[in-house]
PDB file of N, CA and C in Angstrom:
ATOM      1  N   MET A   1      34.825   2.949  57.914  1.00  0.00           N
ATOM      2  CA  MET A   1      34.127   2.843  56.576  1.00  0.00           C
ATOM      3  C   MET A   1      34.468   4.110  55.727  1.00  0.00           C
ATOM      4  N   MET A   2      34.392   5.319  56.426  1.00  0.00           N
ATOM      5  CA  MET A   2      34.612   6.555  55.753  1.00  0.00           C
ATOM      6  C   MET A   2      36.029   6.689  55.148  1.00  0.00           C
ATOM      7  N   LEU A   3      36.970   6.084  56.130  1.00  0.00           N
ATOM      8  CA  LEU A   3      38.451   6.190  55.684  1.00  0.00           C
ATOM      9  C   LEU A   3      38.717   5.340  54.504  1.00  0.00           C
ATOM     10  N   ARG A   4      37.991   4.201  54.441  1.00  0.00           N
ATOM     11  CA  ARG A   4      38.188   3.329  53.174  1.00  0.00           C
ATOM     12  C   ARG A   4      37.678   3.986  51.925  1.00  0.00           C
ATOM     13  N   THR A   5      36.563   4.572  52.088  1.00  0.00           N
ATOM     14  CA  THR A   5      35.968   5.252  50.927  1.00  0.00           C
ATOM     15  C   THR A   5      36.903   6.410  50.469  1.00  0.00           C
ATOM     16  N   LEU A   6      37.371   7.200  51.349  1.00  0.00           N
ATOM     17  CA  LEU A   6      38.314   8.334  50.954  1.00  0.00           C
ATOM     18  C   LEU A   6      39.490   7.819  50.363  1.00  0.00           C
ATOM     19  N   ALA A   7      40.126   6.702  51.031  1.00  0.00           N
ATOM     20  CA  ALA A   7      41.315   6.121  50.386  1.00  0.00           C
ATOM     21  C   ALA A   7      41.089   5.602  49.024  1.00  0.00           C
ATOM     22  N   LEU A   8      39.887   5.058  48.686  1.00  0.00           N
ATOM     23  CA  LEU A   8      39.526   4.566  47.413  1.00  0.00           C
ATOM     24  C   LEU A   8      39.441   5.750  46.391  1.00  0.00           C
ATOM     25  N   VAL A   9      38.792   6.802  46.831  1.00  0.00           N
ATOM     26  CA  VAL A   9      38.547   7.977  45.970  1.00  0.00           C
ATOM     27  C   VAL A   9      40.044   8.487  45.647  1.00  0.00           C
ATOM     28  N   ARG A  10      40.802   8.644  46.603  1.00  0.00           N
ATOM     29  CA  ARG A  10      42.167   9.199  46.396  1.00  0.00           C
ATOM     30  C   ARG A  10      43.070   8.366  45.340  1.00  0.00           C
ATOM     31  N   LYS A  11      42.840   6.989  45.596  1.00  0.00           N
ATOM     32  CA  LYS A  11      43.575   6.137  44.609  1.00  0.00           C
ATOM     33  C   LYS A  11      43.038   6.346  43.246  1.00  0.00           C
ATOM     34  N   GLU A  12      41.725   6.337  43.038  1.00  0.00           N
ATOM     35  CA  GLU A  12      41.129   6.453  41.691  1.00  0.00           C
ATOM     36  C   GLU A  12      41.516   7.878  41.082  1.00  0.00           C
ATOM     37  N   PHE A  13      41.516   8.920  41.902  1.00  0.00           N
ATOM     38  CA  PHE A  13      41.872  10.274  41.381  1.00  0.00           C
ATOM     39  C   PHE A  13      43.364  10.257  41.014  1.00  0.00           C
ATOM     40  N   LEU A  14      44.212   9.707  41.772  1.00  0.00           N
ATOM     41  CA  LEU A  14      45.606   9.575  41.342  1.00  0.00           C
ATOM     42  C   LEU A  14      45.819   8.790  39.971  1.00  0.00           C
ATOM     43  N   HIS A  15      45.090   7.698  39.980  1.00  0.00           N
ATOM     44  CA  HIS A  15      45.149   6.863  38.763  1.00  0.00           C
ATOM     45  C   HIS A  15      44.725   7.586  37.452  1.00  0.00           C
ATOM     46  N   ILE A  16      43.662   8.331  37.689  1.00  0.00           N
ATOM     47  CA  ILE A  16      43.186   9.240  36.453  1.00  0.00           C
ATOM     48  C   ILE A  16      44.132  10.264  36.122  1.00  0.00           C
ATOM     49  N   LEU A  17      44.879  10.871  37.086  1.00  0.00           N
ATOM     50  CA  LEU A  17      45.798  11.945  36.713  1.00  0.00           C
ATOM     51  C   LEU A  17      47.115  11.314  36.203  1.00  0.00           C
ATOM     52  N   ARG A  18      47.468  10.125  36.442  1.00  0.00           N
ATOM     53  CA  ARG A  18      48.670   9.490  35.995  1.00  0.00           C
ATOM     54  C   ARG A  18      48.477   8.951  34.601  1.00  0.00           C
ATOM     55  N   ASP A  19      47.291   8.601  34.257  1.00  0.00           N
ATOM     56  CA  ASP A  19      47.015   7.934  32.967  1.00  0.00           C
ATOM     57  C   ASP A  19      46.381   8.970  32.138  1.00  0.00           C
ATOM     58  N   PRO A  20      47.100   9.469  30.991  1.00  0.00           N
ATOM     59  CA  PRO A  20      46.579  10.462  30.061  1.00  0.00           C
ATOM     60  C   PRO A  20      45.399   9.968  29.242  1.00  0.00           C
ATOM     61  N   ARG A  21      45.317   8.502  29.012  1.00  0.00           N
ATOM     62  CA  ARG A  21      44.214   8.029  28.133  1.00  0.00           C
ATOM     63  C   ARG A  21      42.972   8.120  29.037  1.00  0.00           C
ATOM     64  N   THR A  22      42.967   7.751  30.282  1.00  0.00           N
ATOM     65  CA  THR A  22      41.799   7.888  31.169  1.00  0.00           C
ATOM     66  C   THR A  22      41.284   9.297  31.266  1.00  0.00           C
ATOM     67  N   LEU A  23      42.290  10.189  31.410  1.00  0.00           N
ATOM     68  CA  LEU A  23      41.897  11.601  31.525  1.00  0.00           C
ATOM     69  C   LEU A  23      41.267  12.035  30.154  1.00  0.00           C
ATOM     70  N   GLY A  24      41.845  11.640  29.021  1.00  0.00           N
ATOM     71  CA  GLY A  24      41.157  11.997  27.709  1.00  0.00           C
ATOM     72  C   GLY A  24      39.810  11.373  27.597  1.00  0.00           C
ATOM     73  N   VAL A  25      39.557  10.237  27.943  1.00  0.00           N
ATOM     74  CA  VAL A  25      38.342   9.491  27.910  1.00  0.00           C
ATOM     75  C   VAL A  25      37.361  10.306  28.798  1.00  0.00           C
ATOM     76  N   MET A  26      37.759  10.579  29.998  1.00  0.00           N
ATOM     77  CA  MET A  26      36.848  11.274  30.898  1.00  0.00           C
ATOM     78  C   MET A  26      36.380  12.623  30.377  1.00  0.00           C
ATOM     79  N   PHE A  27      37.102  13.342  29.698  1.00  0.00           N
ATOM     80  CA  PHE A  27      36.569  14.572  29.082  1.00  0.00           C
ATOM     81  C   PHE A  27      36.018  14.445  27.652  1.00  0.00           C
ATOM     82  N   LEU A  28      36.548  13.503  26.933  1.00  0.00           N
ATOM     83  CA  LEU A  28      36.207  13.496  25.493  1.00  0.00           C
ATOM     84  C   LEU A  28      34.744  12.710  25.245  1.00  0.00           C
ATOM     85  N   MET A  29      34.555  11.772  26.081  1.00  0.00           N
ATOM     86  CA  MET A  29      33.253  10.926  25.969  1.00  0.00           C
ATOM     87  C   MET A  29      32.042  11.858  26.304  1.00  0.00           C
ATOM     88  N   PRO A  30      31.920  12.604  27.197  1.00  0.00           N
ATOM     89  CA  PRO A  30      30.785  13.500  27.396  1.00  0.00           C
ATOM     90  C   PRO A  30      30.561  14.469  26.089  1.00  0.00           C
ATOM     91  N   ILE A  31      31.565  14.896  25.604  1.00  0.00           N
ATOM     92  CA  ILE A  31      31.498  15.807  24.513  1.00  0.00           C
ATOM     93  C   ILE A  31      30.902  15.026  23.261  1.00  0.00           C
ATOM     94  N   VAL A  32      31.481  13.818  23.020  1.00  0.00           N
ATOM     95  CA  VAL A  32      31.000  13.002  21.845  1.00  0.00           C
ATOM     96  C   VAL A  32      29.531  12.695  22.071  1.00  0.00           C
ATOM     97  N   GLN A  33      29.187  12.216  23.272  1.00  0.00           N
ATOM     98  CA  GLN A  33      27.703  11.957  23.554  1.00  0.00           C
ATOM     99  C   GLN A  33      26.883  13.180  23.355  1.00  0.00           C
ATOM    100  N   LEU A  34      27.312  14.181  23.823  1.00  0.00           N
ATOM    101  CA  LEU A  34      26.468  15.449  23.683  1.00  0.00           C
ATOM    102  C   LEU A  34      26.283  15.680  22.142  1.00  0.00           C
ATOM    103  N   LEU A  35      27.276  15.705  21.296  1.00  0.00           N
ATOM    104  CA  LEU A  35      27.105  15.944  19.919  1.00  0.00           C
ATOM    105  C   LEU A  35      26.290  14.900  19.230  1.00  0.00           C
ATOM    106  N   LEU A  36      26.493  13.514  19.458  1.00  0.00           N
ATOM    107  CA  LEU A  36      25.672  12.533  18.850  1.00  0.00           C
ATOM    108  C   LEU A  36      24.262  12.640  19.287  1.00  0.00           C
ATOM    109  N   LEU A  37      23.937  12.777  20.595  1.00  0.00           N
ATOM    110  CA  LEU A  37      22.537  12.846  20.950  1.00  0.00           C
ATOM    111  C   LEU A  37      21.841  14.051  20.554  1.00  0.00           C
ATOM    112  N   GLY A  38      22.635  15.155  20.400  1.00  0.00           N
ATOM    113  CA  GLY A  38      22.173  16.370  20.076  1.00  0.00           C
ATOM    114  C   GLY A  38      21.638  16.453  18.595  1.00  0.00           C
ATOM    115  N   TYR A  39      22.182  15.741  17.726  1.00  0.00           N
ATOM    116  CA  TYR A  39      21.867  15.673  16.350  1.00  0.00           C
ATOM    117  C   TYR A  39      21.040  14.499  15.988  1.00  0.00           C
ATOM    118  N   ALA A  40      21.207  13.374  16.713  1.00  0.00           N
ATOM    119  CA  ALA A  40      20.549  12.099  16.367  1.00  0.00           C
ATOM    120  C   ALA A  40      19.282  12.061  17.024  1.00  0.00           C
ATOM    121  N   ALA A  41      18.996  12.411  18.098  1.00  0.00           N
ATOM    122  CA  ALA A  41      17.668  12.388  18.818  1.00  0.00           C
ATOM    123  C   ALA A  41      16.835  13.569  18.718  1.00  0.00           C
ATOM    124  N   THR A  42      15.680  13.461  18.144  1.00  0.00           N
ATOM    125  CA  THR A  42      14.712  14.632  18.054  1.00  0.00           C
ATOM    126  C   THR A  42      13.421  14.248  18.690  1.00  0.00           C
ATOM    127  N   THR A  43      12.658  15.126  19.131  1.00  0.00           N
ATOM    128  CA  THR A  43      11.543  14.911  19.669  1.00  0.00           C
ATOM    129  C   THR A  43      10.367  15.534  18.731  1.00  0.00           C
ATOM    130  N   ASP A  44      10.698  15.941  17.630  1.00  0.00           N
ATOM    131  CA  ASP A  44       9.678  16.466  16.774  1.00  0.00           C
ATOM    132  C   ASP A  44       8.696  15.456  16.297  1.00  0.00           C
ATOM    133  N   ILE A  45       7.390  15.877  16.269  1.00  0.00           N
ATOM    134  CA  ILE A  45       6.359  15.023  15.826  1.00  0.00           C
ATOM    135  C   ILE A  45       5.966  15.591  14.394  1.00  0.00           C
ATOM    136  N   GLU A  46       6.076  14.763  13.399  1.00  0.00           N
ATOM    137  CA  GLU A  46       5.674  15.076  12.109  1.00  0.00           C
ATOM    138  C   GLU A  46       4.562  14.232  11.567  1.00  0.00           C
ATOM    139  N   HIS A  47       3.879  14.783  10.621  1.00  0.00           N
ATOM    140  CA  HIS A  47       2.811  14.058   9.800  1.00  0.00           C
ATOM    141  C   HIS A  47       1.779  13.506  10.862  1.00  0.00           C
ATOM    142  N   LEU A  48       1.221  14.283  11.729  1.00  0.00           N
ATOM    143  CA  LEU A  48       0.155  13.831  12.630  1.00  0.00           C
ATOM    144  C   LEU A  48      -1.200  13.955  11.847  1.00  0.00           C
ATOM    145  N   ARG A  49      -1.752  12.803  11.793  1.00  0.00           N
ATOM    146  CA  ARG A  49      -3.121  12.740  11.146  1.00  0.00           C
ATOM    147  C   ARG A  49      -4.173  13.636  11.962  1.00  0.00           C
ATOM    148  N   THR A  50      -4.856  14.501  11.228  1.00  0.00           N
ATOM    149  CA  THR A  50      -5.623  15.584  11.807  1.00  0.00           C
ATOM    150  C   THR A  50      -6.933  15.647  11.121  1.00  0.00           C
ATOM    151  N   ALA A  51      -8.165  15.909  11.884  1.00  0.00           N
ATOM    152  CA  ALA A  51      -9.377  16.150  11.286  1.00  0.00           C
ATOM    153  C   ALA A  51      -9.647  17.652  11.651  1.00  0.00           C
ATOM    154  N   VAL A  52     -10.419  18.319  10.623  1.00  0.00           N
ATOM    155  CA  VAL A  52     -10.684  19.694  10.833  1.00  0.00           C
ATOM    156  C   VAL A  52     -12.137  20.024  10.828  1.00  0.00           C
ATOM    157  N   LEU A  53     -12.585  20.809  11.745  1.00  0.00           N
ATOM    158  CA  LEU A  53     -13.914  21.327  11.862  1.00  0.00           C
ATOM    159  C   LEU A  53     -13.912  22.765  11.672  1.00  0.00           C
ATOM    160  N   ASP A  54     -14.332  23.249  10.578  1.00  0.00           N
ATOM    161  CA  ASP A  54     -14.326  24.710  10.234  1.00  0.00           C
ATOM    162  C   ASP A  54     -15.760  25.198  10.473  1.00  0.00           C
ATOM    163  N   GLY A  55     -16.066  25.643  11.545  1.00  0.00           N
ATOM    164  CA  GLY A  55     -17.367  26.118  11.908  1.00  0.00           C
ATOM    165  C   GLY A  55     -17.600  27.563  11.444  1.00  0.00           C
ATOM    166  N   ASP A  56     -16.474  28.275  11.216  1.00  0.00           N
ATOM    167  CA  ASP A  56     -16.461  29.681  10.946  1.00  0.00           C
ATOM    168  C   ASP A  56     -16.621  29.925   9.330  1.00  0.00           C
ATOM    169  N   LYS A  57     -15.912  29.086   8.635  1.00  0.00           N
ATOM    170  CA  LYS A  57     -15.983  29.133   7.142  1.00  0.00           C
ATOM    171  C   LYS A  57     -15.715  30.624   6.657  1.00  0.00           C
ATOM    172  N   THR A  58     -14.773  31.242   7.204  1.00  0.00           N
ATOM    173  CA  THR A  58     -14.340  32.616   6.751  1.00  0.00           C
ATOM    174  C   THR A  58     -13.033  32.459   6.022  1.00  0.00           C
ATOM    175  N   ALA A  59     -12.531  33.564   5.390  1.00  0.00           N
ATOM    176  CA  ALA A  59     -11.358  33.472   4.716  1.00  0.00           C
ATOM    177  C   ALA A  59     -10.121  33.219   5.669  1.00  0.00           C
ATOM    178  N   GLU A  60     -10.290  33.899   6.924  1.00  0.00           N
ATOM    179  CA  GLU A  60      -9.209  33.641   7.870  1.00  0.00           C
ATOM    180  C   GLU A  60      -9.150  32.127   8.321  1.00  0.00           C
ATOM    181  N   SER A  61     -10.259  31.557   8.490  1.00  0.00           N
ATOM    182  CA  SER A  61     -10.249  30.155   8.922  1.00  0.00           C
ATOM    183  C   SER A  61      -9.702  29.178   7.789  1.00  0.00           C
ATOM    184  N   ARG A  62     -10.025  29.510   6.641  1.00  0.00           N
ATOM    185  CA  ARG A  62      -9.427  28.691   5.526  1.00  0.00           C
ATOM    186  C   ARG A  62      -8.040  28.919   5.360  1.00  0.00           C
ATOM    187  N   GLU A  63      -7.560  30.192   5.562  1.00  0.00           N
ATOM    188  CA  GLU A  63      -6.045  30.472   5.585  1.00  0.00           C
ATOM    189  C   GLU A  63      -5.420  29.735   6.679  1.00  0.00           C
ATOM    190  N   LEU A  64      -5.981  29.724   7.822  1.00  0.00           N
ATOM    191  CA  LEU A  64      -5.314  28.907   8.926  1.00  0.00           C
ATOM    192  C   LEU A  64      -5.234  27.453   8.616  1.00  0.00           C
ATOM    193  N   ILE A  65      -6.248  26.804   8.093  1.00  0.00           N
ATOM    194  CA  ILE A  65      -6.261  25.588   7.672  1.00  0.00           C
ATOM    195  C   ILE A  65      -5.140  25.245   6.625  1.00  0.00           C
ATOM    196  N   GLU A  66      -4.960  26.326   5.666  1.00  0.00           N
ATOM    197  CA  GLU A  66      -3.920  26.083   4.623  1.00  0.00           C
ATOM    198  C   GLU A  66      -2.508  26.151   5.276  1.00  0.00           C
ATOM    199  N   VAL A  67      -2.398  26.930   6.289  1.00  0.00           N
ATOM    200  CA  VAL A  67      -1.069  27.067   6.923  1.00  0.00           C
ATOM    201  C   VAL A  67      -0.733  25.749   7.606  1.00  0.00           C
ATOM    202  N   TYR A  68      -1.718  24.980   8.344  1.00  0.00           N
ATOM    203  CA  TYR A  68      -1.588  23.660   8.865  1.00  0.00           C
ATOM    204  C   TYR A  68      -1.236  22.783   7.893  1.00  0.00           C
ATOM    205  N   ARG A  69      -1.959  22.649   6.747  1.00  0.00           N
ATOM    206  CA  ARG A  69      -1.757  21.784   5.563  1.00  0.00           C
ATOM    207  C   ARG A  69      -0.301  21.962   5.086  1.00  0.00           C
ATOM    208  N   ALA A  70       0.256  23.257   4.973  1.00  0.00           N
ATOM    209  CA  ALA A  70       1.539  23.374   4.352  1.00  0.00           C
ATOM    210  C   ALA A  70       2.763  23.018   5.340  1.00  0.00           C
ATOM    211  N   SER A  71       2.446  22.857   6.537  1.00  0.00           N
ATOM    212  CA  SER A  71       3.454  22.435   7.401  1.00  0.00           C
ATOM    213  C   SER A  71       3.632  20.934   7.400  1.00  0.00           C
ATOM    214  N   ASN A  72       4.904  20.456   7.850  1.00  0.00           N
ATOM    215  CA  ASN A  72       5.117  19.035   7.948  1.00  0.00           C
ATOM    216  C   ASN A  72       4.590  18.388   9.174  1.00  0.00           C
ATOM    217  N   TYR A  73       3.924  19.131  10.046  1.00  0.00           N
ATOM    218  CA  TYR A  73       3.596  18.597  11.358  1.00  0.00           C
ATOM    219  C   TYR A  73       2.164  17.920  11.258  1.00  0.00           C
ATOM    220  N   PHE A  74       1.304  18.447  10.277  1.00  0.00           N
ATOM    221  CA  PHE A  74      -0.118  17.932  10.291  1.00  0.00           C
ATOM    222  C   PHE A  74      -0.408  17.560   8.858  1.00  0.00           C
ATOM    223  N   ASP A  75      -1.092  16.406   8.861  1.00  0.00           N
ATOM    224  CA  ASP A  75      -1.708  15.795   7.570  1.00  0.00           C
ATOM    225  C   ASP A  75      -3.271  15.900   7.718  1.00  0.00           C
ATOM    226  N   ILE A  76      -3.794  16.830   7.138  1.00  0.00           N
ATOM    227  CA  ILE A  76      -5.324  16.868   7.201  1.00  0.00           C
ATOM    228  C   ILE A  76      -5.843  15.688   6.397  1.00  0.00           C
ATOM    229  N   VAL A  77      -6.629  14.769   7.007  1.00  0.00           N
ATOM    230  CA  VAL A  77      -7.125  13.529   6.392  1.00  0.00           C
ATOM    231  C   VAL A  77      -8.626  13.527   6.440  1.00  0.00           C
ATOM    232  N   TYR A  78      -9.233  14.420   7.198  1.00  0.00           N
ATOM    233  CA  TYR A  78     -10.717  14.407   7.246  1.00  0.00           C
ATOM    234  C   TYR A  78     -11.308  15.746   7.642  1.00  0.00           C
ATOM    235  N   TYR A  79     -12.361  16.102   6.931  1.00  0.00           N
ATOM    236  CA  TYR A  79     -13.044  17.414   7.281  1.00  0.00           C
ATOM    237  C   TYR A  79     -14.321  17.067   7.871  1.00  0.00           C
ATOM    238  N   VAL A  80     -14.606  17.558   9.102  1.00  0.00           N
ATOM    239  CA  VAL A  80     -15.934  17.259   9.740  1.00  0.00           C
ATOM    240  C   VAL A  80     -16.970  18.149   9.228  1.00  0.00           C
TER     241      VAL A  80
END
């Protein structure tokens, strides 16, 4: 069983080395996938509906709420 597997691996390896198109695809496809997925897929969460409870009511807490409001990540929709 092991000899058959090694013979198959050897055959495929020789086929890849003999065929330049297969060798090109073998190296080019992962690079293309890396570029496409790197720019197309993001995991950023934007416009998260948020409620705010400001128990401190100081200038610093209001400034922090303003920073949250200015970002694209949070949409303050309710004040508790």
